[in-house]
PDB file of N, CA and C in Angstrom:
ATOM      1  N   MET A   1     -48.213 134.367  17.079  1.00  0.00           N
ATOM      2  CA  MET A   1     -46.837 134.772  16.992  1.00  0.00           C
ATOM      3  C   MET A   1     -46.667 136.257  17.280  1.00  0.00           C
ATOM      4  N   LYS A   2     -47.655 137.027  16.870  1.00  0.00           N
ATOM      5  CA  LYS A   2     -47.595 138.472  17.100  1.00  0.00           C
ATOM      6  C   LYS A   2     -47.474 138.774  18.595  1.00  0.00           C
ATOM      7  N   GLU A   3     -48.232 138.051  19.395  1.00  0.00           N
ATOM      8  CA  GLU A   3     -48.210 138.272  20.844  1.00  0.00           C
ATOM      9  C   GLU A   3     -46.856 137.886  21.439  1.00  0.00           C
ATOM     10  N   LEU A   4     -46.257 136.823  20.930  1.00  0.00           N
ATOM     11  CA  LEU A   4     -44.950 136.381  21.410  1.00  0.00           C
ATOM     12  C   LEU A   4     -43.888 137.450  21.163  1.00  0.00           C
ATOM     13  N   VAL A   5     -43.857 138.008  19.965  1.00  0.00           N
ATOM     14  CA  VAL A   5     -42.887 139.059  19.632  1.00  0.00           C
ATOM     15  C   VAL A   5     -43.137 140.294  20.489  1.00  0.00           C
ATOM     16  N   GLU A   6     -44.399 140.611  20.717  1.00  0.00           N
ATOM     17  CA  GLU A   6     -44.739 141.789  21.519  1.00  0.00           C
ATOM     18  C   GLU A   6     -44.285 141.633  22.969  1.00  0.00           C
ATOM     19  N   VAL A   7     -44.482 140.468  23.548  1.00  0.00           N
ATOM     20  CA  VAL A   7     -44.064 140.224  24.936  1.00  0.00           C
ATOM     21  C   VAL A   7     -42.544 140.299  25.064  1.00  0.00           C
ATOM     22  N   ILE A   8     -41.845 139.700  24.136  1.00  0.00           N
ATOM     23  CA  ILE A   8     -40.375 139.725  24.174  1.00  0.00           C
ATOM     24  C   ILE A   8     -39.862 141.150  24.032  1.00  0.00           C
ATOM     25  N   ALA A   9     -40.401 141.897  23.073  1.00  0.00           N
ATOM     26  CA  ALA A   9     -39.932 143.260  22.827  1.00  0.00           C
ATOM     27  C   ALA A   9     -40.220 144.180  24.008  1.00  0.00           C
ATOM     28  N   LYS A  10     -41.401 144.066  24.593  1.00  0.00           N
ATOM     29  CA  LYS A  10     -41.738 144.929  25.732  1.00  0.00           C
ATOM     30  C   LYS A  10     -40.858 144.647  26.941  1.00  0.00           C
ATOM     31  N   ALA A  11     -40.371 143.419  27.061  1.00  0.00           N
ATOM     32  CA  ALA A  11     -39.478 143.089  28.174  1.00  0.00           C
ATOM     33  C   ALA A  11     -38.080 143.678  27.968  1.00  0.00           C
ATOM     34  N   LEU A  12     -37.714 143.962  26.739  1.00  0.00           N
ATOM     35  CA  LEU A  12     -36.370 144.443  26.442  1.00  0.00           C
ATOM     36  C   LEU A  12     -36.218 145.959  26.482  1.00  0.00           C
ATOM     37  N   VAL A  13     -37.269 146.695  26.150  1.00  0.00           N
ATOM     38  CA  VAL A  13     -37.150 148.139  25.923  1.00  0.00           C
ATOM     39  C   VAL A  13     -37.456 148.958  27.170  1.00  0.00           C
ATOM     40  N   ASP A  14     -37.048 150.247  27.117  1.00  0.00           N
ATOM     41  CA  ASP A  14     -37.353 151.185  28.201  1.00  0.00           C
ATOM     42  C   ASP A  14     -38.734 151.813  28.035  1.00  0.00           C
ATOM     43  N   ASN A  15     -39.231 151.878  26.801  1.00  0.00           N
ATOM     44  CA  ASN A  15     -40.532 152.483  26.504  1.00  0.00           C
ATOM     45  C   ASN A  15     -41.476 151.426  25.943  1.00  0.00           C
ATOM     46  N   PRO A  16     -42.037 150.564  26.793  1.00  0.00           N
ATOM     47  CA  PRO A  16     -42.896 149.492  26.276  1.00  0.00           C
ATOM     48  C   PRO A  16     -44.189 149.993  25.631  1.00  0.00           C
ATOM     49  N   ASP A  17     -44.593 151.223  25.934  1.00  0.00           N
ATOM     50  CA  ASP A  17     -45.808 151.764  25.337  1.00  0.00           C
ATOM     51  C   ASP A  17     -45.632 152.066  23.850  1.00  0.00           C
ATOM     52  N   GLU A  18     -44.397 152.223  23.405  1.00  0.00           N
ATOM     53  CA  GLU A  18     -44.136 152.563  22.011  1.00  0.00           C
ATOM     54  C   GLU A  18     -43.867 151.337  21.137  1.00  0.00           C
ATOM     55  N   VAL A  19     -44.011 150.155  21.698  1.00  0.00           N
ATOM     56  CA  VAL A  19     -43.825 148.927  20.922  1.00  0.00           C
ATOM     57  C   VAL A  19     -45.097 148.647  20.130  1.00  0.00           C
ATOM     58  N   VAL A  20     -44.939 148.520  18.810  1.00  0.00           N
ATOM     59  CA  VAL A  20     -46.066 148.229  17.924  1.00  0.00           C
ATOM     60  C   VAL A  20     -45.678 147.025  17.069  1.00  0.00           C
ATOM     61  N   VAL A  21     -46.521 146.008  17.096  1.00  0.00           N
ATOM     62  CA  VAL A  21     -46.275 144.798  16.315  1.00  0.00           C
ATOM     63  C   VAL A  21     -47.441 144.611  15.355  1.00  0.00           C
ATOM     64  N   THR A  22     -47.122 144.484  14.063  1.00  0.00           N
ATOM     65  CA  THR A  22     -48.150 144.233  13.057  1.00  0.00           C
ATOM     66  C   THR A  22     -47.851 142.905  12.374  1.00  0.00           C
ATOM     67  N   GLN A  23     -48.903 142.267  11.905  1.00  0.00           N
ATOM     68  CA  GLN A  23     -48.765 140.959  11.273  1.00  0.00           C
ATOM     69  C   GLN A  23     -49.530 140.960   9.957  1.00  0.00           C
ATOM     70  N   LYS A  24     -48.857 140.507   8.892  1.00  0.00           N
ATOM     71  CA  LYS A  24     -49.484 140.408   7.575  1.00  0.00           C
ATOM     72  C   LYS A  24     -49.337 138.974   7.080  1.00  0.00           C
ATOM     73  N   LYS A  25     -50.432 138.417   6.633  1.00  0.00           N
ATOM     74  CA  LYS A  25     -50.421 137.048   6.121  1.00  0.00           C
ATOM     75  C   LYS A  25     -50.432 137.096   4.602  1.00  0.00           C
ATOM     76  N   GLU A  26     -49.451 136.435   3.995  1.00  0.00           N
ATOM     77  CA  GLU A  26     -49.309 136.422   2.536  1.00  0.00           C
ATOM     78  C   GLU A  26     -49.187 134.967   2.087  1.00  0.00           C
ATOM     79  N   GLY A  27     -50.300 134.308   1.918  1.00  0.00           N
ATOM     80  CA  GLY A  27     -50.280 132.895   1.525  1.00  0.00           C
ATOM     81  C   GLY A  27     -49.750 132.030   2.660  1.00  0.00           C
ATOM     82  N   ARG A  28     -48.657 131.309   2.420  1.00  0.00           N
ATOM     83  CA  ARG A  28     -48.039 130.453   3.440  1.00  0.00           C
ATOM     84  C   ARG A  28     -47.017 131.209   4.270  1.00  0.00           C
ATOM     85  N   ASN A  29     -46.843 132.503   4.008  1.00  0.00           N
ATOM     86  CA  ASN A  29     -45.877 133.323   4.731  1.00  0.00           C
ATOM     87  C   ASN A  29     -46.598 134.297   5.655  1.00  0.00           C
ATOM     88  N   ILE A  30     -45.987 134.524   6.800  1.00  0.00           N
ATOM     89  CA  ILE A  30     -46.476 135.540   7.734  1.00  0.00           C
ATOM     90  C   ILE A  30     -45.326 136.502   7.996  1.00  0.00           C
ATOM     91  N   ARG A  31     -45.581 137.790   7.799  1.00  0.00           N
ATOM     92  CA  ARG A  31     -44.562 138.808   8.044  1.00  0.00           C
ATOM     93  C   ARG A  31     -44.955 139.587   9.296  1.00  0.00           C
ATOM     94  N   ILE A  32     -44.086 139.563  10.284  1.00  0.00           N
ATOM     95  CA  ILE A  32     -44.310 140.295  11.527  1.00  0.00           C
ATOM     96  C   ILE A  32     -43.352 141.477  11.557  1.00  0.00           C
ATOM     97  N   GLN A  33     -43.916 142.678  11.721  1.00  0.00           N
ATOM     98  CA  GLN A  33     -43.097 143.880  11.773  1.00  0.00           C
ATOM     99  C   GLN A  33     -43.121 144.444  13.181  1.00  0.00           C
ATOM    100  N   LEU A  34     -41.938 144.689  13.710  1.00  0.00           N
ATOM    101  CA  LEU A  34     -41.773 145.213  15.061  1.00  0.00           C
ATOM    102  C   LEU A  34     -41.270 146.646  14.968  1.00  0.00           C
ATOM    103  N   HIS A  35     -42.026 147.572  15.543  1.00  0.00           N
ATOM    104  CA  HIS A  35     -41.637 148.973  15.584  1.00  0.00           C
ATOM    105  C   HIS A  35     -41.392 149.355  17.040  1.00  0.00           C
ATOM    106  N   VAL A  36     -40.236 149.957  17.305  1.00  0.00           N
ATOM    107  CA  VAL A  36     -39.904 150.420  18.654  1.00  0.00           C
ATOM    108  C   VAL A  36     -39.424 151.861  18.565  1.00  0.00           C
ATOM    109  N   ALA A  37     -39.292 152.513  19.711  1.00  0.00           N
ATOM    110  CA  ALA A  37     -38.782 153.877  19.758  1.00  0.00           C
ATOM    111  C   ALA A  37     -37.329 153.882  19.273  1.00  0.00           C
ATOM    112  N   PRO A  38     -36.919 154.961  18.622  1.00  0.00           N
ATOM    113  CA  PRO A  38     -35.529 155.020  18.126  1.00  0.00           C
ATOM    114  C   PRO A  38     -34.484 154.828  19.226  1.00  0.00           C
ATOM    115  N   SER A  39     -34.788 155.280  20.427  1.00  0.00           N
ATOM    116  CA  SER A  39     -33.824 155.117  21.523  1.00  0.00           C
ATOM    117  C   SER A  39     -33.719 153.666  21.992  1.00  0.00           C
ATOM    118  N   ASP A  40     -34.712 152.839  21.687  1.00  0.00           N
ATOM    119  CA  ASP A  40     -34.701 151.432  22.096  1.00  0.00           C
ATOM    120  C   ASP A  40     -34.239 150.481  20.990  1.00  0.00           C
ATOM    121  N   MET A  41     -33.922 151.016  19.835  1.00  0.00           N
ATOM    122  CA  MET A  41     -33.552 150.174  18.699  1.00  0.00           C
ATOM    123  C   MET A  41     -32.320 149.314  19.009  1.00  0.00           C
ATOM    124  N   GLY A  42     -31.337 149.875  19.657  1.00  0.00           N
ATOM    125  CA  GLY A  42     -30.131 149.121  19.989  1.00  0.00           C
ATOM    126  C   GLY A  42     -30.389 147.983  20.960  1.00  0.00           C
ATOM    127  N   LYS A  43     -31.335 148.163  21.844  1.00  0.00           N
ATOM    128  CA  LYS A  43     -31.661 147.112  22.811  1.00  0.00           C
ATOM    129  C   LYS A  43     -32.360 145.941  22.151  1.00  0.00           C
ATOM    130  N   VAL A  44     -33.139 146.206  21.114  1.00  0.00           N
ATOM    131  CA  VAL A  44     -33.859 145.147  20.422  1.00  0.00           C
ATOM    132  C   VAL A  44     -32.940 144.417  19.436  1.00  0.00           C
ATOM    133  N   ILE A  45     -32.030 145.161  18.819  1.00  0.00           N
ATOM    134  CA  ILE A  45     -31.114 144.538  17.858  1.00  0.00           C
ATOM    135  C   ILE A  45     -29.974 143.833  18.586  1.00  0.00           C
ATOM    136  N   GLY A  46     -29.427 144.465  19.605  1.00  0.00           N
ATOM    137  CA  GLY A  46     -28.343 143.854  20.363  1.00  0.00           C
ATOM    138  C   GLY A  46     -26.988 144.003  19.691  1.00  0.00           C
ATOM    139  N   ARG A  47     -25.977 143.598  20.398  1.00  0.00           N
ATOM    140  CA  ARG A  47     -24.614 143.694  19.893  1.00  0.00           C
ATOM    141  C   ARG A  47     -24.435 142.689  18.764  1.00  0.00           C
ATOM    142  N   GLN A  48     -24.056 143.197  17.594  1.00  0.00           N
ATOM    143  CA  GLN A  48     -23.873 142.405  16.377  1.00  0.00           C
ATOM    144  C   GLN A  48     -25.146 141.638  15.986  1.00  0.00           C
ATOM    145  N   GLY A  49     -26.310 142.151  16.391  1.00  0.00           N
ATOM    146  CA  GLY A  49     -27.581 141.552  15.993  1.00  0.00           C
ATOM    147  C   GLY A  49     -27.962 140.288  16.738  1.00  0.00           C
ATOM    148  N   ARG A  50     -27.346 140.051  17.872  1.00  0.00           N
ATOM    149  CA  ARG A  50     -27.599 138.807  18.610  1.00  0.00           C
ATOM    150  C   ARG A  50     -29.019 138.713  19.150  1.00  0.00           C
ATOM    151  N   ILE A  51     -29.535 139.808  19.690  1.00  0.00           N
ATOM    152  CA  ILE A  51     -30.890 139.787  20.255  1.00  0.00           C
ATOM    153  C   ILE A  51     -31.911 139.590  19.127  1.00  0.00           C
ATOM    154  N   ALA A  52     -31.731 140.312  18.019  1.00  0.00           N
ATOM    155  CA  ALA A  52     -32.653 140.174  16.883  1.00  0.00           C
ATOM    156  C   ALA A  52     -32.624 138.740  16.354  1.00  0.00           C
ATOM    157  N   ARG A  53     -31.452 138.152  16.256  1.00  0.00           N
ATOM    158  CA  ARG A  53     -31.329 136.768  15.802  1.00  0.00           C
ATOM    159  C   ARG A  53     -32.012 135.816  16.773  1.00  0.00           C
ATOM    160  N   ALA A  54     -31.895 136.086  18.069  1.00  0.00           N
ATOM    161  CA  ALA A  54     -32.534 135.240  19.084  1.00  0.00           C
ATOM    162  C   ALA A  54     -34.057 135.338  18.997  1.00  0.00           C
ATOM    163  N   ILE A  55     -34.577 136.540  18.778  1.00  0.00           N
ATOM    164  CA  ILE A  55     -36.027 136.713  18.632  1.00  0.00           C
ATOM    165  C   ILE A  55     -36.523 135.920  17.426  1.00  0.00           C
ATOM    166  N   ARG A  56     -35.797 136.018  16.323  1.00  0.00           N
ATOM    167  CA  ARG A  56     -36.194 135.274  15.115  1.00  0.00           C
ATOM    168  C   ARG A  56     -36.128 133.769  15.339  1.00  0.00           C
ATOM    169  N   SER A  57     -35.141 133.307  16.095  1.00  0.00           N
ATOM    170  CA  SER A  57     -35.015 131.869  16.370  1.00  0.00           C
ATOM    171  C   SER A  57     -36.170 131.360  17.223  1.00  0.00           C
ATOM    172  N   VAL A  58     -36.556 132.129  18.229  1.00  0.00           N
ATOM    173  CA  VAL A  58     -37.666 131.737  19.098  1.00  0.00           C
ATOM    174  C   VAL A  58     -38.969 131.679  18.301  1.00  0.00           C
ATOM    175  N   VAL A  59     -39.198 132.668  17.457  1.00  0.00           N
ATOM    176  CA  VAL A  59     -40.415 132.690  16.643  1.00  0.00           C
ATOM    177  C   VAL A  59     -40.414 131.526  15.652  1.00  0.00           C
ATOM    178  N   LYS A  60     -39.270 131.252  15.061  1.00  0.00           N
ATOM    179  CA  LYS A  60     -39.185 130.129  14.124  1.00  0.00           C
ATOM    180  C   LYS A  60     -39.470 128.805  14.827  1.00  0.00           C
ATOM    181  N   ALA A  61     -38.931 128.632  16.019  1.00  0.00           N
ATOM    182  CA  ALA A  61     -39.175 127.398  16.777  1.00  0.00           C
ATOM    183  C   ALA A  61     -40.643 127.269  17.156  1.00  0.00           C
ATOM    184  N   ALA A  62     -41.276 128.372  17.504  1.00  0.00           N
ATOM    185  CA  ALA A  62     -42.685 128.336  17.888  1.00  0.00           C
ATOM    186  C   ALA A  62     -43.598 128.133  16.679  1.00  0.00           C
ATOM    187  N   SER A  63     -43.127 128.466  15.488  1.00  0.00           N
ATOM    188  CA  SER A  63     -43.974 128.372  14.302  1.00  0.00           C
ATOM    189  C   SER A  63     -43.914 127.005  13.631  1.00  0.00           C
ATOM    190  N   VAL A  64     -43.095 126.106  14.106  1.00  0.00           N
ATOM    191  CA  VAL A  64     -42.952 124.795  13.476  1.00  0.00           C
ATOM    192  C   VAL A  64     -44.287 124.053  13.442  1.00  0.00           C
ATOM    193  N   GLN A  65     -45.069 124.167  14.481  1.00  0.00           N
ATOM    194  CA  GLN A  65     -46.349 123.468  14.561  1.00  0.00           C
ATOM    195  C   GLN A  65     -47.394 124.056  13.620  1.00  0.00           C
ATOM    196  N   GLU A  66     -47.271 125.322  13.269  1.00  0.00           N
ATOM    197  CA  GLU A  66     -48.295 125.989  12.467  1.00  0.00           C
ATOM    198  C   GLU A  66     -48.095 125.827  10.970  1.00  0.00           C
ATOM    199  N   ASP A  67     -46.970 125.300  10.528  1.00  0.00           N
ATOM    200  CA  ASP A  67     -46.693 125.044   9.111  1.00  0.00           C
ATOM    201  C   ASP A  67     -46.731 126.329   8.283  1.00  0.00           C
ATOM    202  N   TYR A  68     -46.199 127.418   8.822  1.00  0.00           N
ATOM    203  CA  TYR A  68     -46.062 128.678   8.127  1.00  0.00           C
ATOM    204  C   TYR A  68     -44.597 129.092   8.164  1.00  0.00           C
ATOM    205  N   ARG A  69     -44.204 129.926   7.196  1.00  0.00           N
ATOM    206  CA  ARG A  69     -42.880 130.530   7.225  1.00  0.00           C
ATOM    207  C   ARG A  69     -43.074 131.942   7.773  1.00  0.00           C
ATOM    208  N   ILE A  70     -42.387 132.241   8.862  1.00  0.00           N
ATOM    209  CA  ILE A  70     -42.584 133.520   9.539  1.00  0.00           C
ATOM    210  C   ILE A  70     -41.308 134.331   9.465  1.00  0.00           C
ATOM    211  N   ASP A  71     -41.438 135.585   9.001  1.00  0.00           N
ATOM    212  CA  ASP A  71     -40.330 136.530   8.941  1.00  0.00           C
ATOM    213  C   ASP A  71     -40.585 137.629   9.958  1.00  0.00           C
ATOM    214  N   VAL A  72     -39.543 138.020  10.689  1.00  0.00           N
ATOM    215  CA  VAL A  72     -39.656 139.105  11.658  1.00  0.00           C
ATOM    216  C   VAL A  72     -38.773 140.249  11.176  1.00  0.00           C
ATOM    217  N   ASP A  73     -39.386 141.400  10.934  1.00  0.00           N
ATOM    218  CA  ASP A  73     -38.670 142.606  10.522  1.00  0.00           C
ATOM    219  C   ASP A  73     -38.695 143.597  11.673  1.00  0.00           C
ATOM    220  N   ILE A  74     -37.553 144.210  11.934  1.00  0.00           N
ATOM    221  CA  ILE A  74     -37.454 145.195  13.004  1.00  0.00           C
ATOM    222  C   ILE A  74     -37.250 146.552  12.358  1.00  0.00           C
ATOM    223  N   ASP A  75     -38.180 147.471  12.619  1.00  0.00           N
ATOM    224  CA  ASP A  75     -38.114 148.823  12.048  1.00  0.00           C
ATOM    225  C   ASP A  75     -37.893 149.834  13.143  1.00  0.00           C
TER     226      ASP A  75
END
């Protein structure tokens, strides 16, 4: 899942070198944290959070087979 979030984020931003994705496993939960440059934050969040919601939906759909609950945080 970490790689999926990283590919999506790098396609959206102007500074793909500054995209950092970390993953922490906490029991049945996986927390993925996405860090981008401050100037690219609006591109990742989108208007009214639409892009961020879409990223979370794609990750949730991809995680159905793995039987984990995955949270995506954008910092």
